C-alpha atoms as a PDB file:
ATOM      1  CA  MET A   1     -31.247  14.058  -9.663  1.00  0.00           C
ATOM      2  CA  ILE A   2     -27.481  14.487 -10.041  1.00  0.00           C
ATOM      3  CA  LEU A   3     -25.558  11.275 -10.781  1.00  0.00           C
ATOM      4  CA  THR A   4     -21.985  10.827  -9.557  1.00  0.00           C
ATOM      5  CA  VAL A   5     -19.805   7.978 -10.832  1.00  0.00           C
ATOM      6  CA  THR A   6     -16.960   6.587  -8.720  1.00  0.00           C
ATOM      7  CA  LEU A   7     -15.484   3.575 -10.499  1.00  0.00           C
ATOM      8  CA  ASN A   8     -12.749   3.187  -7.870  1.00  0.00           C
ATOM      9  CA  THR A   9     -14.582   3.677  -4.584  1.00  0.00           C
ATOM     10  CA  ALA A  10     -12.625   3.568  -1.350  1.00  0.00           C
ATOM     11  CA  LEU A  11     -12.945   3.405   2.389  1.00  0.00           C
ATOM     12  CA  ASP A  12     -11.001   6.468   3.501  1.00  0.00           C
ATOM     13  CA  LEU A  13      -9.033   6.119   6.730  1.00  0.00           C
ATOM     14  CA  THR A  14      -7.538   9.265   8.266  1.00  0.00           C
ATOM     15  CA  TYR A  15      -4.943   9.029  11.019  1.00  0.00           C
ATOM     16  CA  ARG A  16      -3.860  12.132  12.907  1.00  0.00           C
ATOM     17  CA  VAL A  17      -0.425  12.094  14.579  1.00  0.00           C
ATOM     18  CA  PRO A  18       1.361  14.821  16.565  1.00  0.00           C
ATOM     19  CA  ALA A  19       4.214  14.890  14.023  1.00  0.00           C
ATOM     20  CA  LEU A  20       5.010  12.557  11.107  1.00  0.00           C
ATOM     21  CA  ARG A  21       8.625  11.390  11.039  1.00  0.00           C
ATOM     22  CA  PRO A  22      10.065   8.649   8.786  1.00  0.00           C
ATOM     23  CA  HIS A  23      11.534   5.472  10.318  1.00  0.00           C
ATOM     24  CA  THR A  24       9.770   5.906  13.683  1.00  0.00           C
ATOM     25  CA  ALA A  25       6.669   4.559  15.425  1.00  0.00           C
ATOM     26  CA  HIS A  26       3.744   6.950  15.817  1.00  0.00           C
ATOM     27  CA  ARG A  27       0.953   7.215  18.341  1.00  0.00           C
ATOM     28  CA  VAL A  28      -2.292   7.979  16.502  1.00  0.00           C
ATOM     29  CA  THR A  29      -4.368  10.588  18.336  1.00  0.00           C
ATOM     30  CA  ASP A  30      -7.492  10.410  16.168  1.00  0.00           C
ATOM     31  CA  VAL A  31      -8.956   8.017  13.566  1.00  0.00           C
ATOM     32  CA  ALA A  32     -11.714   8.792  11.055  1.00  0.00           C
ATOM     33  CA  GLU A  33     -13.286   6.317   8.622  1.00  0.00           C
ATOM     34  CA  ARG A  34     -15.757   7.126   5.841  1.00  0.00           C
ATOM     35  CA  PRO A  35     -16.807   6.177   2.283  1.00  0.00           C
ATOM     36  CA  GLY A  36     -14.539   7.847  -0.249  1.00  0.00           C
ATOM     37  CA  GLY A  37     -13.401   8.218  -3.798  1.00  0.00           C
ATOM     38  CA  LYS A  38     -13.775  11.493  -5.677  1.00  0.00           C
ATOM     39  CA  GLY A  39     -17.339  10.928  -6.888  1.00  0.00           C
ATOM     40  CA  LEU A  40     -18.539  10.036  -3.401  1.00  0.00           C
ATOM     41  CA  ASN A  41     -16.917  13.173  -2.019  1.00  0.00           C
ATOM     42  CA  VAL A  42     -18.744  15.216  -4.668  1.00  0.00           C
ATOM     43  CA  ALA A  43     -22.013  13.468  -3.812  1.00  0.00           C
ATOM     44  CA  ARG A  44     -21.603  14.180  -0.094  1.00  0.00           C
ATOM     45  CA  VAL A  45     -21.234  17.922  -0.718  1.00  0.00           C
ATOM     46  CA  LEU A  46     -24.115  18.021  -3.205  1.00  0.00           C
ATOM     47  CA  ALA A  47     -26.393  16.253  -0.727  1.00  0.00           C
ATOM     48  CA  ALA A  48     -25.406  18.730   1.991  1.00  0.00           C
ATOM     49  CA  LEU A  49     -26.395  21.536  -0.401  1.00  0.00           C
ATOM     50  CA  GLY A  50     -29.856  19.987  -0.709  1.00  0.00           C
ATOM     51  CA  HIS A  51     -29.595  18.199  -4.049  1.00  0.00           C
ATOM     52  CA  GLU A  52     -31.010  14.756  -4.754  1.00  0.00           C
ATOM     53  CA  VAL A  53     -27.983  12.579  -5.562  1.00  0.00           C
ATOM     54  CA  THR A  54     -27.529   9.040  -6.846  1.00  0.00           C
ATOM     55  CA  VAL A  55     -24.126   7.360  -6.609  1.00  0.00           C
ATOM     56  CA  THR A  56     -22.883   4.525  -8.789  1.00  0.00           C
ATOM     57  CA  GLY A  57     -19.671   2.691  -9.601  1.00  0.00           C
ATOM     58  CA  PHE A  58     -18.282  -0.513  -8.122  1.00  0.00           C
ATOM     59  CA  THR A  59     -18.153  -1.918  -4.595  1.00  0.00           C
ATOM     60  CA  GLY A  60     -17.015  -5.334  -3.431  1.00  0.00           C
ATOM     61  CA  GLY A  61     -15.860  -7.413  -0.493  1.00  0.00           C
ATOM     62  CA  ASP A  62     -15.966  -6.447   3.169  1.00  0.00           C
ATOM     63  CA  THR A  63     -14.625  -2.981   2.378  1.00  0.00           C
ATOM     64  CA  GLY A  64     -17.369  -2.458  -0.189  1.00  0.00           C
ATOM     65  CA  ARG A  65     -19.974  -3.564   2.327  1.00  0.00           C
ATOM     66  CA  LEU A  66     -18.706  -0.978   4.817  1.00  0.00           C
ATOM     67  CA  ILE A  67     -18.790   1.731   2.135  1.00  0.00           C
ATOM     68  CA  ARG A  68     -22.430   0.989   1.333  1.00  0.00           C
ATOM     69  CA  GLU A  69     -23.472   0.694   4.972  1.00  0.00           C
ATOM     70  CA  ARG A  70     -22.033   4.115   5.764  1.00  0.00           C
ATOM     71  CA  LEU A  71     -23.547   6.017   2.860  1.00  0.00           C
ATOM     72  CA  THR A  72     -25.963   8.699   4.029  1.00  0.00           C
ATOM     73  CA  GLY A  73     -28.092  11.221   2.200  1.00  0.00           C
ATOM     74  CA  VAL A  74     -27.680   9.643  -1.268  1.00  0.00           C
ATOM     75  CA  VAL A  75     -29.290   6.887  -3.339  1.00  0.00           C
ATOM     76  CA  ASP A  76     -27.077   3.793  -3.630  1.00  0.00           C
ATOM     77  CA  ALA A  77     -26.899   2.390  -7.169  1.00  0.00           C
ATOM     78  CA  PHE A  78     -23.510   0.676  -6.941  1.00  0.00           C
ATOM     79  CA  VAL A  79     -22.745  -2.415  -9.031  1.00  0.00           C
ATOM     80  CA  PRO A  80     -21.337  -5.280  -6.906  1.00  0.00           C
ATOM     81  CA  VAL A  81     -18.055  -6.957  -7.915  1.00  0.00           C
ATOM     82  CA  CYS A  82     -16.192 -10.037  -6.715  1.00  0.00           C
ATOM     83  CA  GLY A  83     -13.004  -8.191  -5.751  1.00  0.00           C
ATOM     84  CA  SER A  84     -12.640  -6.062  -2.640  1.00  0.00           C
ATOM     85  CA  SER A  85     -12.941  -2.296  -2.778  1.00  0.00           C
ATOM     86  CA  ARG A  86      -9.785  -0.427  -1.913  1.00  0.00           C
ATOM     87  CA  ARG A  87      -8.803   1.567   1.139  1.00  0.00           C
ATOM     88  CA  THR A  88      -6.941   4.857   1.287  1.00  0.00           C
ATOM     89  CA  VAL A  89      -4.907   5.963   4.273  1.00  0.00           C
ATOM     90  CA  ALA A  90      -4.251   9.635   4.988  1.00  0.00           C
ATOM     91  CA  VAL A  91      -1.789  10.504   7.747  1.00  0.00           C
ATOM     92  CA  VAL A  92      -2.201  14.083   8.977  1.00  0.00           C
ATOM     93  CA  ASP A  93       0.718  15.767  10.711  1.00  0.00           C
ATOM     94  CA  ALA A  94      -0.968  17.879  13.403  1.00  0.00           C
ATOM     95  CA  ARG A  95       2.133  20.061  13.755  1.00  0.00           C
ATOM     96  CA  THR A  96       2.310  21.200  10.121  1.00  0.00           C
ATOM     97  CA  GLY A  97      -1.122  20.269   8.772  1.00  0.00           C
ATOM     98  CA  ASP A  98       0.524  18.312   5.946  1.00  0.00           C
ATOM     99  CA  THR A  99      -1.155  15.116   4.752  1.00  0.00           C
ATOM    100  CA  THR A 100       0.562  11.970   3.465  1.00  0.00           C
ATOM    101  CA  GLN A 101      -1.696   9.799   1.317  1.00  0.00           C
ATOM    102  CA  LEU A 102      -1.464   6.052   0.605  1.00  0.00           C
ATOM    103  CA  ASN A 103      -3.890   4.782  -2.074  1.00  0.00           C
ATOM    104  CA  GLU A 104      -4.541   1.127  -2.870  1.00  0.00           C
ATOM    105  CA  PRO A 105      -5.143   0.257  -6.561  1.00  0.00           C
ATOM    106  CA  GLY A 106      -8.674  -1.143  -6.318  1.00  0.00           C
ATOM    107  CA  PRO A 107     -10.234  -4.480  -7.367  1.00  0.00           C
ATOM    108  CA  LEU A 108      -9.803  -6.123 -10.763  1.00  0.00           C
ATOM    109  CA  ILE A 109     -13.001  -5.523 -12.756  1.00  0.00           C
ATOM    110  CA  THR A 110     -14.014  -8.376 -15.070  1.00  0.00           C
ATOM    111  CA  PRO A 111     -15.523  -7.812 -18.543  1.00  0.00           C
ATOM    112  CA  ALA A 112     -18.888  -9.087 -17.261  1.00  0.00           C
ATOM    113  CA  GLU A 113     -18.819  -6.619 -14.350  1.00  0.00           C
ATOM    114  CA  TRP A 114     -17.940  -3.757 -16.698  1.00  0.00           C
ATOM    115  CA  SER A 115     -20.831  -4.707 -18.993  1.00  0.00           C
ATOM    116  CA  ALA A 116     -23.192  -4.764 -16.009  1.00  0.00           C
ATOM    117  CA  PHE A 117     -22.073  -1.290 -15.032  1.00  0.00           C
ATOM    118  CA  LEU A 118     -22.559   0.093 -18.553  1.00  0.00           C
ATOM    119  CA  ALA A 119     -26.138  -1.196 -18.600  1.00  0.00           C
ATOM    120  CA  ALA A 120     -26.877   0.329 -15.190  1.00  0.00           C
ATOM    121  CA  TYR A 121     -25.218   3.624 -16.129  1.00  0.00           C
ATOM    122  CA  GLY A 122     -27.280   3.949 -19.293  1.00  0.00           C
ATOM    123  CA  GLU A 123     -30.510   3.637 -17.305  1.00  0.00           C
ATOM    124  CA  LEU A 124     -29.375   6.069 -14.589  1.00  0.00           C
ATOM    125  CA  VAL A 125     -28.212   8.757 -17.017  1.00  0.00           C
ATOM    126  CA  ALA A 126     -31.660   8.886 -18.604  1.00  0.00           C
ATOM    127  CA  GLY A 127     -33.080  10.297 -15.352  1.00  0.00           C
ATOM    128  CA  ALA A 128     -30.227  12.643 -14.426  1.00  0.00           C
ATOM    129  CA  GLU A 129     -29.962  16.449 -14.547  1.00  0.00           C
ATOM    130  CA  ALA A 130     -26.161  16.208 -14.666  1.00  0.00           C
ATOM    131  CA  VAL A 131     -23.406  13.615 -14.321  1.00  0.00           C
ATOM    132  CA  ALA A 132     -20.015  13.725 -12.577  1.00  0.00           C
ATOM    133  CA  LEU A 133     -17.357  11.227 -13.707  1.00  0.00           C
ATOM    134  CA  CYS A 134     -14.613  11.294 -11.108  1.00  0.00           C
ATOM    135  CA  GLY A 135     -11.374   9.662 -10.077  1.00  0.00           C
ATOM    136  CA  SER A 136      -9.054   6.879 -11.119  1.00  0.00           C
ATOM    137  CA  LEU A 137      -9.937   3.694 -12.997  1.00  0.00           C
ATOM    138  CA  PRO A 138      -9.652   0.352 -11.192  1.00  0.00           C
ATOM    139  CA  PRO A 139      -7.689  -2.460 -12.885  1.00  0.00           C
ATOM    140  CA  GLY A 140      -9.587  -4.106 -15.734  1.00  0.00           C
ATOM    141  CA  VAL A 141     -11.579  -1.027 -16.768  1.00  0.00           C
ATOM    142  CA  PRO A 142     -10.643   0.186 -20.291  1.00  0.00           C
ATOM    143  CA  VAL A 143      -8.463   3.303 -20.359  1.00  0.00           C
ATOM    144  CA  GLY A 144     -11.018   4.946 -22.648  1.00  0.00           C
ATOM    145  CA  ALA A 145     -13.877   4.238 -20.239  1.00  0.00           C
ATOM    146  CA  TYR A 146     -14.603   7.859 -19.401  1.00  0.00           C
ATOM    147  CA  ALA A 147     -14.718   8.824 -23.071  1.00  0.00           C
ATOM    148  CA  GLY A 148     -17.469   6.264 -23.603  1.00  0.00           C
ATOM    149  CA  LEU A 149     -19.375   7.415 -20.508  1.00  0.00           C
ATOM    150  CA  VAL A 150     -19.142  11.038 -21.668  1.00  0.00           C
ATOM    151  CA  ARG A 151     -20.570  10.102 -25.060  1.00  0.00           C
ATOM    152  CA  THR A 152     -23.452   8.199 -23.429  1.00  0.00           C
ATOM    153  CA  ALA A 153     -24.356  11.251 -21.326  1.00  0.00           C
ATOM    154  CA  ARG A 154     -24.118  13.600 -24.297  1.00  0.00           C
ATOM    155  CA  THR A 155     -26.345  11.327 -26.396  1.00  0.00           C
ATOM    156  CA  ALA A 156     -28.914  11.514 -23.589  1.00  0.00           C
ATOM    157  CA  GLY A 157     -28.624  15.323 -23.553  1.00  0.00           C
ATOM    158  CA  VAL A 158     -27.250  15.336 -19.992  1.00  0.00           C
ATOM    159  CA  PRO A 159     -24.376  17.718 -19.091  1.00  0.00           C
ATOM    160  CA  VAL A 160     -21.297  15.895 -17.819  1.00  0.00           C
ATOM    161  CA  LEU A 161     -18.323  16.938 -15.682  1.00  0.00           C
ATOM    162  CA  LEU A 162     -15.078  14.961 -15.929  1.00  0.00           C
ATOM    163  CA  ASP A 163     -12.434  14.959 -13.182  1.00  0.00           C
ATOM    164  CA  THR A 164      -9.643  12.468 -13.753  1.00  0.00           C
ATOM    165  CA  SER A 165      -6.006  12.479 -14.900  1.00  0.00           C
ATOM    166  CA  GLY A 166      -3.470  10.980 -17.300  1.00  0.00           C
ATOM    167  CA  GLU A 167      -4.564   8.973 -20.319  1.00  0.00           C
ATOM    168  CA  PRO A 168      -8.208   8.623 -19.140  1.00  0.00           C
ATOM    169  CA  LEU A 169      -8.353  12.441 -19.060  1.00  0.00           C
ATOM    170  CA  ARG A 170      -6.757  12.819 -22.497  1.00  0.00           C
ATOM    171  CA  ARG A 171      -9.230  10.406 -24.065  1.00  0.00           C
ATOM    172  CA  GLY A 172     -12.152  11.768 -22.088  1.00  0.00           C
ATOM    173  CA  VAL A 173     -11.525  15.350 -23.219  1.00  0.00           C
ATOM    174  CA  ALA A 174     -11.736  14.260 -26.860  1.00  0.00           C
ATOM    175  CA  ALA A 175     -15.314  13.032 -26.198  1.00  0.00           C
ATOM    176  CA  ARG A 176     -16.365  16.662 -25.518  1.00  0.00           C
ATOM    177  CA  PRO A 177     -17.481  16.752 -21.873  1.00  0.00           C
ATOM    178  CA  ASP A 178     -19.302  19.894 -20.786  1.00  0.00           C
ATOM    179  CA  ILE A 179     -16.814  20.623 -17.991  1.00  0.00           C
ATOM    180  CA  VAL A 180     -13.342  19.276 -17.320  1.00  0.00           C
ATOM    181  CA  LYS A 181     -11.944  20.010 -13.842  1.00  0.00           C
ATOM    182  CA  PRO A 182      -8.226  19.226 -13.594  1.00  0.00           C
ATOM    183  CA  ASN A 183      -5.772  20.591 -11.077  1.00  0.00           C
ATOM    184  CA  ALA A 184      -2.754  22.547 -12.299  1.00  0.00           C
ATOM    185  CA  ASP A 185      -0.472  19.494 -12.528  1.00  0.00           C
ATOM    186  CA  GLU A 186      -3.066  17.410 -14.403  1.00  0.00           C
ATOM    187  CA  LEU A 187      -3.686  20.273 -16.808  1.00  0.00           C
ATOM    188  CA  ALA A 188       0.031  20.733 -17.462  1.00  0.00           C
ATOM    189  CA  GLU A 189       0.428  16.998 -18.109  1.00  0.00           C
ATOM    190  CA  LEU A 190      -2.455  17.119 -20.587  1.00  0.00           C
ATOM    191  CA  THR A 191      -1.329  20.207 -22.524  1.00  0.00           C
ATOM    192  CA  GLY A 192       2.389  20.637 -21.842  1.00  0.00           C
ATOM    193  CA  SER A 193       1.762  24.222 -20.664  1.00  0.00           C
ATOM    194  CA  HIS A 194       2.336  25.423 -17.095  1.00  0.00           C
ATOM    195  CA  GLU A 195       0.433  28.706 -17.575  1.00  0.00           C
ATOM    196  CA  PRO A 196      -3.057  27.786 -16.332  1.00  0.00           C
ATOM    197  CA  LEU A 197      -5.230  30.016 -18.524  1.00  0.00           C
ATOM    198  CA  ARG A 198      -3.294  29.201 -21.679  1.00  0.00           C
ATOM    199  CA  ALA A 199      -3.396  25.515 -20.794  1.00  0.00           C
ATOM    200  CA  SER A 200      -7.152  25.713 -20.112  1.00  0.00           C
ATOM    201  CA  GLN A 201      -7.734  27.228 -23.537  1.00  0.00           C
ATOM    202  CA  ASP A 202      -5.588  24.488 -25.096  1.00  0.00           C
ATOM    203  CA  ALA A 203      -7.640  21.815 -23.312  1.00  0.00           C
ATOM    204  CA  ARG A 204     -10.804  23.393 -24.731  1.00  0.00           C
ATOM    205  CA  ARG A 205      -9.385  23.107 -28.235  1.00  0.00           C
ATOM    206  CA  ARG A 206      -8.864  19.400 -27.566  1.00  0.00           C
ATOM    207  CA  GLY A 207     -12.605  18.950 -27.070  1.00  0.00           C
ATOM    208  CA  ALA A 208     -13.843  20.160 -23.678  1.00  0.00           C
ATOM    209  CA  ARG A 209     -16.628  22.737 -23.818  1.00  0.00           C
ATOM    210  CA  ALA A 210     -15.354  24.322 -20.580  1.00  0.00           C
ATOM    211  CA  VAL A 211     -12.206  23.821 -18.515  1.00  0.00           C
ATOM    212  CA  VAL A 212     -12.048  24.853 -14.846  1.00  0.00           C
ATOM    213  CA  ALA A 213      -8.590  24.386 -13.358  1.00  0.00           C
ATOM    214  CA  SER A 214      -8.003  24.186  -9.597  1.00  0.00           C
ATOM    215  CA  LEU A 215      -5.002  26.256  -8.482  1.00  0.00           C
ATOM    216  CA  GLY A 216      -5.082  25.343  -4.799  1.00  0.00           C
ATOM    217  CA  SER A 217      -5.015  28.385  -2.522  1.00  0.00           C
ATOM    218  CA  GLU A 218      -5.030  30.677  -5.581  1.00  0.00           C
ATOM    219  CA  GLY A 219      -8.553  29.615  -6.593  1.00  0.00           C
ATOM    220  CA  LEU A 220      -9.676  28.722 -10.108  1.00  0.00           C
ATOM    221  CA  VAL A 221      -9.236  29.700 -13.732  1.00  0.00           C
ATOM    222  CA  ALA A 222     -11.933  28.930 -16.275  1.00  0.00           C
ATOM    223  CA  ALA A 223     -12.016  28.896 -20.064  1.00  0.00           C
ATOM    224  CA  THR A 224     -15.522  28.411 -21.418  1.00  0.00           C
ATOM    225  CA  GLU A 225     -17.561  28.904 -24.576  1.00  0.00           C
ATOM    226  CA  VAL A 226     -18.782  32.268 -23.293  1.00  0.00           C
ATOM    227  CA  GLY A 227     -15.735  33.732 -21.582  1.00  0.00           C
ATOM    228  CA  ARG A 228     -12.625  33.406 -19.446  1.00  0.00           C
ATOM    229  CA  TRP A 229     -12.420  34.064 -15.720  1.00  0.00           C
ATOM    230  CA  ARG A 230     -10.218  33.825 -12.652  1.00  0.00           C
ATOM    231  CA  ALA A 231     -11.827  33.319  -9.241  1.00  0.00           C
ATOM    232  CA  THR A 232      -9.876  33.780  -6.001  1.00  0.00           C
ATOM    233  CA  PRO A 233     -10.747  33.482  -2.301  1.00  0.00           C
ATOM    234  CA  PRO A 234     -10.487  36.644  -0.164  1.00  0.00           C
ATOM    235  CA  ALA A 235      -7.367  35.419   1.655  1.00  0.00           C
ATOM    236  CA  ARG A 236      -4.911  32.522   1.759  1.00  0.00           C
ATOM    237  CA  LEU A 237      -6.458  29.860   3.963  1.00  0.00           C
ATOM    238  CA  HIS A 238      -4.760  27.328   6.212  1.00  0.00           C
ATOM    239  CA  GLY A 239      -6.220  23.912   6.925  1.00  0.00           C
ATOM    240  CA  ASN A 240      -6.624  20.438   5.455  1.00  0.00           C
ATOM    241  CA  PRO A 241      -7.063  20.549   1.636  1.00  0.00           C
ATOM    242  CA  THR A 242      -8.390  16.967   1.461  1.00  0.00           C
ATOM    243  CA  GLY A 243     -11.531  16.974  -0.693  1.00  0.00           C
ATOM    244  CA  ALA A 244     -11.252  20.659  -1.650  1.00  0.00           C
ATOM    245  CA  GLY A 245     -11.049  19.826  -5.362  1.00  0.00           C
ATOM    246  CA  ASP A 246     -14.114  17.599  -5.095  1.00  0.00           C
ATOM    247  CA  SER A 247     -15.993  20.492  -3.490  1.00  0.00           C
ATOM    248  CA  VAL A 248     -15.116  22.546  -6.577  1.00  0.00           C
ATOM    249  CA  SER A 249     -16.797  19.905  -8.743  1.00  0.00           C
ATOM    250  CA  ALA A 250     -19.832  19.868  -6.463  1.00  0.00           C
ATOM    251  CA  GLY A 251     -20.118  23.645  -6.578  1.00  0.00           C
ATOM    252  CA  LEU A 252     -19.901  23.715 -10.370  1.00  0.00           C
ATOM    253  CA  LEU A 253     -22.581  21.027 -10.749  1.00  0.00           C
ATOM    254  CA  SER A 254     -24.869  22.582  -8.149  1.00  0.00           C
ATOM    255  CA  ALA A 255     -24.766  25.954  -9.903  1.00  0.00           C
ATOM    256  CA  LEU A 256     -25.060  24.366 -13.352  1.00  0.00           C
ATOM    257  CA  VAL A 257     -28.341  22.577 -12.583  1.00  0.00           C
ATOM    258  CA  GLN A 258     -29.677  25.809 -11.072  1.00  0.00           C
ATOM    259  CA  GLY A 259     -28.887  27.667 -14.292  1.00  0.00           C
ATOM    260  CA  LEU A 260     -26.469  30.184 -12.755  1.00  0.00           C
ATOM    261  CA  PRO A 261     -24.047  32.150 -14.976  1.00  0.00           C
ATOM    262  CA  TRP A 262     -20.365  31.262 -14.989  1.00  0.00           C
ATOM    263  CA  PRO A 263     -19.159  33.933 -12.512  1.00  0.00           C
ATOM    264  CA  ALA A 264     -21.703  32.695  -9.958  1.00  0.00           C
ATOM    265  CA  ARG A 265     -20.714  29.087 -10.600  1.00  0.00           C
ATOM    266  CA  LEU A 266     -17.080  29.915  -9.940  1.00  0.00           C
ATOM    267  CA  SER A 267     -17.892  31.897  -6.791  1.00  0.00           C
ATOM    268  CA  ARG A 268     -19.810  28.954  -5.374  1.00  0.00           C
ATOM    269  CA  ALA A 269     -17.046  26.506  -6.294  1.00  0.00           C
ATOM    270  CA  VAL A 270     -14.281  28.596  -4.695  1.00  0.00           C
ATOM    271  CA  ALA A 271     -16.334  29.253  -1.557  1.00  0.00           C
ATOM    272  CA  LEU A 272     -17.094  25.539  -1.131  1.00  0.00           C
ATOM    273  CA  SER A 273     -13.462  24.608  -1.723  1.00  0.00           C
ATOM    274  CA  ALA A 274     -12.237  27.149   0.828  1.00  0.00           C
ATOM    275  CA  ALA A 275     -14.877  26.058   3.343  1.00  0.00           C
ATOM    276  CA  THR A 276     -13.658  22.478   2.898  1.00  0.00           C
ATOM    277  CA  VAL A 277     -10.091  23.514   3.731  1.00  0.00           C
ATOM    278  CA  LEU A 278     -11.407  25.213   6.883  1.00  0.00           C
ATOM    279  CA  SER A 279     -13.533  22.271   8.025  1.00  0.00           C
ATOM    280  CA  PRO A 280     -12.326  20.390  11.127  1.00  0.00           C
ATOM    281  CA  THR A 281     -13.309  17.117   9.388  1.00  0.00           C
ATOM    282  CA  ALA A 282     -11.401  16.238   6.215  1.00  0.00           C
ATOM    283  CA  GLY A 283     -13.656  16.214   3.155  1.00  0.00           C
ATOM    284  CA  ASP A 284     -16.557  18.095   4.771  1.00  0.00           C
ATOM    285  CA  PHE A 285     -17.204  21.796   4.390  1.00  0.00           C
ATOM    286  CA  ASP A 286     -17.758  24.409   7.089  1.00  0.00           C
ATOM    287  CA  ARG A 287     -21.234  25.761   6.286  1.00  0.00           C
ATOM    288  CA  THR A 288     -20.751  29.012   8.181  1.00  0.00           C
ATOM    289  CA  ALA A 289     -17.503  29.674   6.349  1.00  0.00           C
ATOM    290  CA  TYR A 290     -19.146  28.780   3.025  1.00  0.00           C
ATOM    291  CA  GLU A 291     -22.000  31.243   3.540  1.00  0.00           C
ATOM    292  CA  ASP A 292     -19.545  33.953   4.598  1.00  0.00           C
ATOM    293  CA  LEU A 293     -17.137  33.366   1.707  1.00  0.00           C
ATOM    294  CA  THR A 294     -19.685  33.090  -1.118  1.00  0.00           C
ATOM    295  CA  ASN A 295     -20.043  36.855  -1.472  1.00  0.00           C
ATOM    296  CA  ARG A 296     -16.350  37.576  -0.890  1.00  0.00           C
ATOM    297  CA  VAL A 297     -14.866  35.555  -3.752  1.00  0.00           C
ATOM    298  CA  THR A 298     -13.311  37.796  -6.397  1.00  0.00           C
ATOM    299  CA  VAL A 299     -14.162  36.887  -9.995  1.00  0.00           C
ATOM    300  CA  THR A 300     -12.432  38.746 -12.829  1.00  0.00           C
ATOM    301  CA  GLY A 301     -12.506  38.137 -16.555  1.00  0.00           C
ATOM    302  CA  GLU A 302     -14.476  38.756 -19.687  1.00  0.00           C
ATOM    303  CA  ALA A 303     -17.786  37.355 -20.934  1.00  0.00           C
ATOM    304  CA  THR A 304     -16.727  36.967 -24.533  1.00  0.00           C
ATOM    305  CA  ALA A 305     -16.225  33.926 -26.747  1.00  0.00           C
ATOM    306  CA  ALA A 306     -13.152  32.034 -25.599  1.00  0.00           C
END
């Protein structure tokens, strides 16, 4: 079982409009609604790949009820809270393909609710093959929360992937997660360097055992204990990038639990990310494109100590 943690779950609403223009009314041509938050996106892809997945975090209120009702293909281990789970609104401009995102902050988590989650998390980790800690922290959760969750997983001997940003990322890296998966901006904020491979190596020195940085259409760079690599898709792809980074995390975890070497892990992650961009539904991946792209990802680098 792979465990994904989404402390700030969301109900994702996607509106498609012919063209997005400020200060005007818009006629929405299509509406999509689904459970969201980075960890849930990761879980959805892992389940589609055939993995057994358990999801945990917080849900509350009518929005939380809708999130839980619409979960499919995963085991629900969410901790209920008094506040209402957040919503996110994505407005897709059909003319350009650009997406404008509006994210609510999430419910205020009380100390008692946080304690309840920690107890549940400790039990779930004991039965997991791997753990993904993903996304923002809702109000009330300590800024060092991910660092503590990383340490719990490591004590249990369970590999852990961390995908967050800002101060939670800085503190989480120091707890020595097995994989950190920032995007280029998050990595630059963490290290002060805008050169991805150099910044990835710097992030490793801060504690992470491996750093895999998402570079959007340019693929991934990875600095690990056994080497450094760059993985790129066969061509620049056009589509909706929503969820592409979460598909990278899913690909890395899927390959990790199967014991694949790093080049194969990166190939799977890039192929899944690209197939997510090409999917007609935001956050899903196009399986045909994924199967086609898996063997066409270019991975270069060296399998030496980083």
